[in-house]
């Protein structure tokens, strides 16, 4: 279980401080989130908080739609996100910050009241789960808050959350999808793959092939059959579809066959 709930308040405080420091032109800066500007990502972050408050505190759910597969779920979420972001362009940055700050405590309280070991309302589909526990849902929420804030920071050239406090919990949650990413990869029993994010705020993850599939291993001293070393500044972008591996491969340190390295590099730990 990855503990993240204690980080929501300090992470949001970092965001509010950042947004208050922006000059008017900064709100229109382009980000790596495709067509979204800084103001659009801020609006999207507010949307996520308000949806959770509406669901968990007020028991208000969106109308049910019959979504048959992952692609339809993604398309549905993209429509919701686009509708909100378009409407919020009518709202001033000052009011947007005010709403973000005033709603955040209610949002965190909703997450704190969830039983960590109970089934979540929505599964973490990008990790291949049809049913997820609430602790994973909360950790997924953390990665949303973290990576969207990081997108804003990248756009305006202000770092501050690629730190040992905030970055490892996001990486640990993203990489929970590794066994699912390798589900179709065949290899001899005992094959080892090591992924390293190279910084004090990074970490190391090892997958081992068992009869039942790929599983994490805490034994890191054995020589891997394939290894991947990622710069900390790049890892989160690969995992959130900010860049494609084909465009940054020269910045990576890879060892072993592509069949064992590319699944990790093509892992997308967001609904996209």
Protein backbone atom coordinates (compact mmCIF):
# COMPACT_ATOMS: atom_id res chain seq x y z
CA UNK A 1 0.00 0.00 0.00
CA UNK A 2 1.41 3.37 -1.04
CA UNK A 3 0.67 6.13 1.48
CA UNK A 4 -0.13 9.44 -0.20
CA UNK A 5 -3.00 11.10 1.67
CA UNK A 6 -0.63 13.07 3.95
CA UNK A 7 0.87 14.78 0.89
CA UNK A 8 -2.26 16.31 -0.61
CA UNK A 9 -2.32 19.43 1.56
CA UNK A 10 1.37 20.39 1.23
CA UNK A 11 1.30 19.63 -2.49
CA UNK A 12 -1.72 21.87 -2.97
CA UNK A 13 -0.08 24.63 -0.95
CA UNK A 14 2.85 24.48 -3.36
CA UNK A 15 0.39 24.81 -6.24
CA UNK A 16 -1.45 27.80 -4.77
CA UNK A 17 1.83 29.57 -4.07
CA UNK A 18 2.94 28.87 -7.63
CA UNK A 19 -0.27 30.13 -9.24
CA UNK A 20 -0.26 33.30 -7.15
CA UNK A 21 3.26 34.06 -8.39
CA UNK A 22 2.28 33.96 -12.07
CA UNK A 23 2.21 37.02 -14.26
CA UNK A 24 -0.79 37.39 -16.61
CA UNK A 25 1.09 36.08 -19.70
CA UNK A 26 2.08 32.92 -17.77
CA UNK A 27 -1.53 31.72 -17.67
CA UNK A 28 -1.53 31.43 -21.46
CA UNK A 29 1.72 29.50 -21.74
CA UNK A 30 1.53 26.26 -23.70
CA UNK A 31 2.16 23.03 -21.81
CA UNK A 32 3.06 19.48 -22.80
CA UNK A 33 -0.60 18.59 -22.21
CA UNK A 34 -1.31 19.07 -25.92
CA UNK A 35 -3.73 21.95 -26.52
CA UNK A 36 -3.96 22.97 -22.86
CA UNK A 37 -2.47 26.16 -21.53
CA UNK A 38 -1.48 26.72 -17.91
CA UNK A 39 -4.92 28.07 -17.06
CA UNK A 40 -6.58 24.98 -18.56
CA UNK A 41 -4.56 22.61 -16.39
CA UNK A 42 -5.41 24.66 -13.31
CA UNK A 43 -9.09 24.45 -14.24
CA UNK A 44 -8.78 20.68 -14.74
CA UNK A 45 -7.29 20.31 -11.27
CA UNK A 46 -10.25 22.17 -9.80
CA UNK A 47 -12.62 19.92 -11.74
CA UNK A 48 -11.08 16.79 -10.22
CA UNK A 49 -11.54 18.11 -6.70
CA UNK A 50 -15.13 19.19 -7.26
CA UNK A 51 -16.08 15.87 -8.83
CA UNK A 52 -14.79 14.02 -5.77
CA UNK A 53 -16.62 16.31 -3.35
CA UNK A 54 -19.82 15.89 -5.34
CA UNK A 55 -19.44 12.11 -5.39
CA UNK A 56 -18.26 11.31 -1.87
CA UNK A 57 -19.76 14.11 0.21
CA UNK A 58 -22.95 14.85 -1.70
CA UNK A 59 -23.53 11.44 -3.34
CA UNK A 60 -24.01 13.10 -6.70
CA UNK A 61 -22.98 10.93 -9.63
CA UNK A 62 -22.75 11.65 -13.34
CA UNK A 63 -25.43 10.06 -15.52
CA UNK A 64 -24.54 6.47 -16.32
CA UNK A 65 -23.27 5.73 -19.80
CA UNK A 66 -22.67 2.30 -21.29
CA UNK A 67 -18.94 2.24 -21.88
CA UNK A 68 -17.85 -1.04 -23.42
CA UNK A 69 -14.07 -0.84 -23.30
CA UNK A 70 -11.04 1.20 -22.24
CA UNK A 71 -11.14 3.30 -25.41
CA UNK A 72 -14.72 4.36 -24.79
CA UNK A 73 -13.90 5.27 -21.18
CA UNK A 74 -11.02 7.46 -22.32
CA UNK A 75 -13.16 9.15 -24.97
CA UNK A 76 -15.88 9.82 -22.40
CA UNK A 77 -13.42 11.34 -19.92
CA UNK A 78 -11.85 13.45 -22.65
CA UNK A 79 -15.29 14.88 -23.50
CA UNK A 80 -15.96 15.74 -19.86
CA UNK A 81 -12.57 17.36 -19.46
CA UNK A 82 -12.89 19.40 -22.65
CA UNK A 83 -16.35 20.67 -21.72
CA UNK A 84 -15.15 21.87 -18.32
CA UNK A 85 -11.94 23.47 -19.53
CA UNK A 86 -13.76 25.35 -22.29
CA UNK A 87 -16.33 26.74 -19.87
CA UNK A 88 -13.70 27.73 -17.31
CA UNK A 89 -11.94 29.98 -19.79
CA UNK A 90 -14.61 32.53 -18.85
CA UNK A 91 -13.28 32.61 -15.28
CA UNK A 92 -10.47 34.92 -14.15
CA UNK A 93 -7.22 33.46 -12.80
CA UNK A 94 -7.85 35.16 -9.45
CA UNK A 95 -11.25 33.51 -9.08
CA UNK A 96 -9.87 30.18 -10.25
CA UNK A 97 -7.22 30.28 -7.51
CA UNK A 98 -9.84 31.26 -4.95
CA UNK A 99 -12.05 28.29 -5.84
CA UNK A 100 -9.09 25.90 -5.88
CA UNK A 101 -7.98 26.99 -2.44
CA UNK A 102 -11.43 27.03 -0.84
CA UNK A 103 -12.46 23.58 -2.14
CA UNK A 104 -9.29 21.65 -1.39
CA UNK A 105 -9.90 20.91 2.29
CA UNK A 106 -13.31 19.37 1.58
CA UNK A 107 -11.73 17.32 -1.21
CA UNK A 108 -8.99 15.91 1.05
CA UNK A 109 -11.47 15.16 3.82
CA UNK A 110 -13.50 13.09 1.37
CA UNK A 111 -10.44 11.00 0.53
CA UNK A 112 -9.46 10.67 4.20
CA UNK A 113 -12.85 9.19 5.02
CA UNK A 114 -12.47 6.33 2.53
CA UNK A 115 -11.62 2.90 3.95
CA UNK A 116 -8.22 2.22 2.34
CA UNK A 117 -8.91 -1.51 1.99
CA UNK A 118 -12.47 -1.22 0.64
CA UNK A 119 -13.23 -1.42 -3.09
CA UNK A 120 -12.99 1.92 -4.84
CA UNK A 121 -15.85 3.44 -6.79
CA UNK A 122 -13.67 3.51 -9.92
CA UNK A 123 -10.87 1.11 -10.68
CA UNK A 124 -7.38 2.09 -11.79
CA UNK A 125 -7.86 0.95 -15.36
CA UNK A 126 -4.43 1.99 -16.60
CA UNK A 127 -2.97 -0.61 -14.23
CA UNK A 128 -5.23 -3.29 -15.70
CA UNK A 129 -7.51 -3.51 -12.67
CA UNK A 130 -11.26 -4.01 -12.92
CA UNK A 131 -11.58 -3.53 -9.15
CA UNK A 132 -9.15 -1.44 -7.10
CA UNK A 133 -8.87 -0.72 -3.41
CA UNK A 134 -9.37 2.82 -2.16
CA UNK A 135 -5.70 3.28 -1.23
CA UNK A 136 -4.81 2.78 -4.91
CA UNK A 137 -7.58 5.14 -5.97
CA UNK A 138 -6.23 7.79 -3.57
CA UNK A 139 -2.69 7.23 -4.84
CA UNK A 140 -3.99 7.60 -8.40
CA UNK A 141 -5.60 10.90 -7.35
CA UNK A 142 -2.24 11.97 -5.97
CA UNK A 143 -0.51 11.26 -9.27
CA UNK A 144 -3.12 13.40 -11.02
CA UNK A 145 -2.51 16.33 -8.69
CA UNK A 146 1.25 15.83 -8.89
CA UNK A 147 1.78 15.44 -12.63
CA UNK A 148 -0.58 18.24 -13.65
CA UNK A 149 1.17 20.63 -11.27
CA UNK A 150 4.48 19.48 -12.74
CA UNK A 151 3.16 20.26 -16.23
CA UNK A 152 2.48 23.82 -15.10
CA UNK A 153 5.94 24.08 -13.55
CA UNK A 154 7.57 22.85 -16.75
CA UNK A 155 5.68 25.42 -18.82
CA UNK A 156 6.79 28.38 -16.71
CA UNK A 157 10.26 27.11 -15.79
CA UNK A 158 9.71 26.78 -12.03
CA UNK A 159 10.59 23.43 -10.48
CA UNK A 160 9.78 22.48 -6.91
CA UNK A 161 8.08 19.07 -6.70
CA UNK A 162 10.69 16.78 -8.29
CA UNK A 163 11.78 16.24 -4.70
CA UNK A 164 12.27 13.28 -2.34
CA UNK A 165 9.05 14.28 -0.57
CA UNK A 166 6.70 14.51 -3.55
CA UNK A 167 8.19 12.58 -6.49
CA UNK A 168 8.73 8.99 -5.20
CA UNK A 169 5.09 8.39 -4.22
CA UNK A 170 4.03 9.39 -7.74
CA UNK A 171 6.64 7.13 -9.34
CA UNK A 172 5.77 4.21 -7.06
CA UNK A 173 2.13 4.55 -8.03
CA UNK A 174 2.83 4.91 -11.75
CA UNK A 175 5.03 1.82 -11.74
CA UNK A 176 2.36 -0.36 -10.14
CA UNK A 177 1.24 -0.74 -13.77
CA UNK A 178 4.48 -2.48 -14.78
CA UNK A 179 3.21 -6.09 -14.45
CA UNK A 180 0.22 -5.16 -16.59
CA UNK A 181 2.47 -3.46 -19.16
CA UNK A 182 4.43 -6.72 -19.48
CA UNK A 183 1.42 -9.04 -19.52
CA UNK A 184 2.01 -10.06 -23.16
CA UNK A 185 5.79 -10.33 -22.92
CA UNK A 186 7.05 -13.91 -22.90
CA UNK A 187 10.45 -14.73 -21.39
CA UNK A 188 12.12 -17.59 -19.52
CA UNK A 189 11.20 -18.03 -15.85
CA UNK A 190 13.56 -15.93 -13.75
CA UNK A 191 14.11 -13.19 -16.35
CA UNK A 192 14.79 -9.91 -14.54
CA UNK A 193 14.16 -6.35 -15.67
CA UNK A 194 15.35 -3.35 -13.66
CA UNK A 195 14.09 0.20 -14.05
CA UNK A 196 16.02 3.04 -12.40
CA UNK A 197 15.00 6.69 -12.15
CA UNK A 198 18.31 8.39 -11.63
CA UNK A 199 18.19 10.98 -8.85
CA UNK A 200 17.85 11.28 -5.07
CA UNK A 201 14.12 11.59 -5.69
CA UNK A 202 14.03 8.55 -7.97
CA UNK A 203 14.26 4.87 -7.18
CA UNK A 204 14.64 1.35 -8.53
CA UNK A 205 12.04 -1.24 -9.52
CA UNK A 206 12.68 -4.86 -10.49
CA UNK A 207 10.34 -7.22 -12.33
CA UNK A 208 10.87 -10.98 -12.42
CA UNK A 209 9.16 -13.47 -14.69
CA UNK A 210 7.35 -16.22 -12.76
CA UNK A 211 5.10 -19.00 -14.01
CA UNK A 212 2.04 -16.88 -13.26
CA UNK A 213 3.44 -13.77 -14.96
CA UNK A 214 5.58 -10.77 -14.09
CA UNK A 215 5.92 -9.76 -10.45
CA UNK A 216 7.90 -7.20 -8.47
CA UNK A 217 11.00 -8.34 -6.64
CA UNK A 218 12.76 -6.73 -3.68
CA UNK A 219 16.03 -8.50 -4.60
CA UNK A 220 18.02 -5.91 -6.52
CA UNK A 221 21.52 -7.36 -6.25
CA UNK A 222 21.21 -9.93 -9.05
CA UNK A 223 22.25 -8.95 -12.56
CA UNK A 224 19.21 -8.09 -14.70
CA UNK A 225 18.60 -9.41 -18.20
CA UNK A 226 17.50 -5.93 -19.21
CA UNK A 227 17.87 -2.54 -17.57
CA UNK A 228 16.42 0.91 -18.10
CA UNK A 229 17.85 4.10 -16.61
CA UNK A 230 15.75 7.24 -16.89
CA UNK A 231 16.58 10.85 -15.98
CA UNK A 232 14.22 12.05 -13.25
CA UNK A 233 13.24 15.02 -15.41
CA UNK A 234 12.10 12.68 -18.18
CA UNK A 235 10.55 9.70 -16.39
CA UNK A 236 7.30 11.41 -15.44
CA UNK A 237 6.81 12.73 -18.97
CA UNK A 238 7.09 9.24 -20.47
CA UNK A 239 4.65 7.84 -17.90
CA UNK A 240 2.04 10.55 -18.50
CA UNK A 241 2.23 10.71 -22.30
CA UNK A 242 4.13 13.99 -22.28
CA UNK A 243 6.76 12.59 -24.65
CA UNK A 244 7.16 9.44 -26.74
CA UNK A 245 10.08 7.11 -26.25
CA UNK A 246 10.99 7.36 -29.94
CA UNK A 247 11.79 11.07 -29.55
CA UNK A 248 13.92 10.78 -26.39
CA UNK A 249 15.62 7.42 -26.78
CA UNK A 250 19.05 9.03 -27.02
CA UNK A 251 18.58 10.37 -23.48
CA UNK A 252 18.01 6.90 -22.00
CA UNK A 253 20.46 4.25 -20.88
CA UNK A 254 19.13 0.89 -22.07
CA UNK A 255 20.57 -2.59 -21.83
CA UNK A 256 18.96 -5.72 -23.22
CA UNK A 257 16.54 -6.49 -26.04
CA UNK A 258 13.79 -4.07 -27.02
CA UNK A 259 11.21 -6.74 -26.20
CA UNK A 260 12.19 -6.38 -22.53
CA UNK A 261 12.72 -2.61 -22.36
CA UNK A 262 10.07 -1.01 -24.56
CA UNK A 263 6.98 -2.11 -22.57
CA UNK A 264 8.19 -0.09 -19.57
CA UNK A 265 9.01 2.90 -21.76
CA UNK A 266 5.56 2.80 -23.37
CA UNK A 267 3.70 2.47 -20.09
CA UNK A 268 1.06 5.20 -19.80
CA UNK A 269 -0.10 5.67 -16.21
CA UNK A 270 -2.94 8.09 -16.98
CA UNK A 271 -6.25 7.56 -18.76
CA UNK A 272 -5.11 8.33 -22.29
